[in-house]
Amino acid sequence: MSLIEGEIVVTVDEKPLVLAAGEMALFRPGGKELFRFSTKRKTHHTW
């Protein structure tokens, strides 16, 4: 996942990861993922 603008909190196996614009994350198979997009500003991402 690549975050173009905004921010997102991704919880992977109960461990939170905060991504800001310009950052990327790779999610491996088998994990439990929860994506929480910002409610305060526009968030644009791509896979």
N, C-alpha and C. Protein backbone atom coordinates (compact mmCIF):
# COMPACT_ATOMS: atom_id res chain seq x y z
N MET A 1 0.85 -1.16 0.00
CA MET A 1 0.00 0.00 0.00
C MET A 1 0.90 1.23 0.00
N SER A 2 0.56 2.17 -0.84
CA SER A 2 1.29 3.44 -0.90
C SER A 2 0.31 4.56 -0.56
N LEU A 3 0.69 5.40 0.38
CA LEU A 3 -0.19 6.49 0.80
C LEU A 3 0.24 7.77 0.08
N ILE A 4 -0.66 8.31 -0.72
CA ILE A 4 -0.35 9.49 -1.52
C ILE A 4 -0.61 10.77 -0.74
N GLU A 5 -1.74 10.83 -0.03
CA GLU A 5 -2.01 11.99 0.83
C GLU A 5 -2.87 11.57 2.00
N GLY A 6 -2.82 12.33 3.07
CA GLY A 6 -3.59 12.03 4.27
C GLY A 6 -2.82 11.14 5.22
N GLU A 7 -3.56 10.37 6.02
CA GLU A 7 -2.93 9.43 6.94
C GLU A 7 -3.88 8.28 7.22
N ILE A 8 -3.31 7.18 7.65
CA ILE A 8 -4.07 5.97 7.94
C ILE A 8 -3.39 5.24 9.08
N VAL A 9 -4.20 4.61 9.92
CA VAL A 9 -3.67 3.73 10.96
C VAL A 9 -4.06 2.31 10.55
N VAL A 10 -3.06 1.48 10.39
CA VAL A 10 -3.30 0.08 10.03
C VAL A 10 -2.89 -0.76 11.23
N THR A 11 -3.81 -1.57 11.71
CA THR A 11 -3.50 -2.48 12.81
C THR A 11 -3.31 -3.87 12.21
N VAL A 12 -2.12 -4.42 12.40
CA VAL A 12 -1.79 -5.74 11.89
C VAL A 12 -1.50 -6.64 13.09
N ASP A 13 -2.32 -7.67 13.25
CA ASP A 13 -2.19 -8.58 14.38
C ASP A 13 -2.08 -7.82 15.70
N GLU A 14 -2.99 -6.83 15.85
CA GLU A 14 -3.13 -6.01 17.07
C GLU A 14 -1.98 -5.05 17.33
N LYS A 15 -1.11 -4.82 16.33
CA LYS A 15 -0.01 -3.84 16.46
C LYS A 15 -0.29 -2.69 15.49
N PRO A 16 -0.49 -1.46 16.02
CA PRO A 16 -0.80 -0.33 15.15
C PRO A 16 0.42 0.18 14.39
N LEU A 17 0.16 0.61 13.16
CA LEU A 17 1.17 1.20 12.31
C LEU A 17 0.56 2.46 11.70
N VAL A 18 1.18 3.62 11.92
CA VAL A 18 0.67 4.87 11.38
C VAL A 18 1.45 5.19 10.11
N LEU A 19 0.72 5.39 9.02
CA LEU A 19 1.34 5.76 7.75
C LEU A 19 0.96 7.19 7.40
N ALA A 20 1.94 7.96 6.98
CA ALA A 20 1.72 9.34 6.54
C ALA A 20 1.94 9.41 5.03
N ALA A 21 1.54 10.51 4.43
CA ALA A 21 1.70 10.69 2.99
C ALA A 21 3.15 10.45 2.57
N GLY A 22 3.33 9.72 1.48
CA GLY A 22 4.66 9.41 0.97
C GLY A 22 5.24 8.12 1.51
N GLU A 23 4.56 7.47 2.43
CA GLU A 23 5.07 6.22 3.01
C GLU A 23 4.38 5.01 2.37
N MET A 24 5.04 3.86 2.50
CA MET A 24 4.51 2.62 1.95
C MET A 24 4.55 1.53 3.00
N ALA A 25 3.71 0.51 2.81
CA ALA A 25 3.73 -0.66 3.70
C ALA A 25 3.43 -1.90 2.86
N LEU A 26 4.06 -3.00 3.22
CA LEU A 26 3.83 -4.27 2.56
C LEU A 26 3.17 -5.20 3.58
N PHE A 27 2.04 -5.76 3.21
CA PHE A 27 1.31 -6.64 4.11
C PHE A 27 1.43 -8.07 3.60
N ARG A 28 1.93 -8.92 4.45
CA ARG A 28 2.15 -10.31 4.09
C ARG A 28 0.90 -11.13 4.36
N PRO A 29 0.71 -12.22 3.63
CA PRO A 29 -0.46 -13.08 3.82
C PRO A 29 -0.51 -13.66 5.24
N GLY A 30 -1.73 -13.88 5.72
CA GLY A 30 -1.91 -14.55 6.99
C GLY A 30 -2.14 -13.65 8.18
N GLY A 31 -1.94 -12.34 8.03
CA GLY A 31 -2.16 -11.42 9.15
C GLY A 31 -3.58 -10.90 9.16
N LYS A 32 -4.02 -10.46 10.33
CA LYS A 32 -5.33 -9.83 10.46
C LYS A 32 -5.11 -8.33 10.39
N GLU A 33 -5.70 -7.67 9.40
CA GLU A 33 -5.48 -6.24 9.15
C GLU A 33 -6.76 -5.44 9.34
N LEU A 34 -6.62 -4.28 9.97
CA LEU A 34 -7.73 -3.34 10.14
C LEU A 34 -7.24 -1.98 9.67
N PHE A 35 -7.94 -1.38 8.71
CA PHE A 35 -7.56 -0.09 8.14
C PHE A 35 -8.49 1.00 8.65
N ARG A 36 -7.92 2.05 9.24
CA ARG A 36 -8.71 3.19 9.72
C ARG A 36 -8.18 4.46 9.04
N PHE A 37 -8.97 4.95 8.09
CA PHE A 37 -8.59 6.15 7.36
C PHE A 37 -8.93 7.40 8.18
N SER A 38 -8.17 8.47 7.95
CA SER A 38 -8.40 9.73 8.65
C SER A 38 -9.82 10.22 8.44
N THR A 39 -10.43 10.70 9.50
CA THR A 39 -11.77 11.31 9.39
C THR A 39 -11.66 12.83 9.30
N LYS A 40 -10.45 13.36 9.44
CA LYS A 40 -10.24 14.81 9.46
C LYS A 40 -9.76 15.37 8.13
N ARG A 41 -9.22 14.51 7.25
CA ARG A 41 -8.73 15.00 5.97
C ARG A 41 -8.81 13.90 4.91
N LYS A 42 -8.77 14.33 3.67
CA LYS A 42 -8.83 13.41 2.54
C LYS A 42 -7.63 12.47 2.57
N THR A 43 -7.88 11.20 2.33
CA THR A 43 -6.82 10.20 2.28
C THR A 43 -6.90 9.48 0.94
N HIS A 44 -5.77 9.47 0.24
CA HIS A 44 -5.69 8.85 -1.09
C HIS A 44 -4.59 7.80 -1.05
N HIS A 45 -4.94 6.57 -1.39
CA HIS A 45 -3.95 5.48 -1.37
C HIS A 45 -4.04 4.67 -2.66
N THR A 46 -3.04 3.85 -2.88
CA THR A 46 -3.04 2.92 -4.00
C THR A 46 -2.41 1.61 -3.57
N TRP A 47 -2.76 0.54 -4.26
CA TRP A 47 -2.19 -0.77 -3.98
C TRP A 47 -1.10 -1.02 -4.97
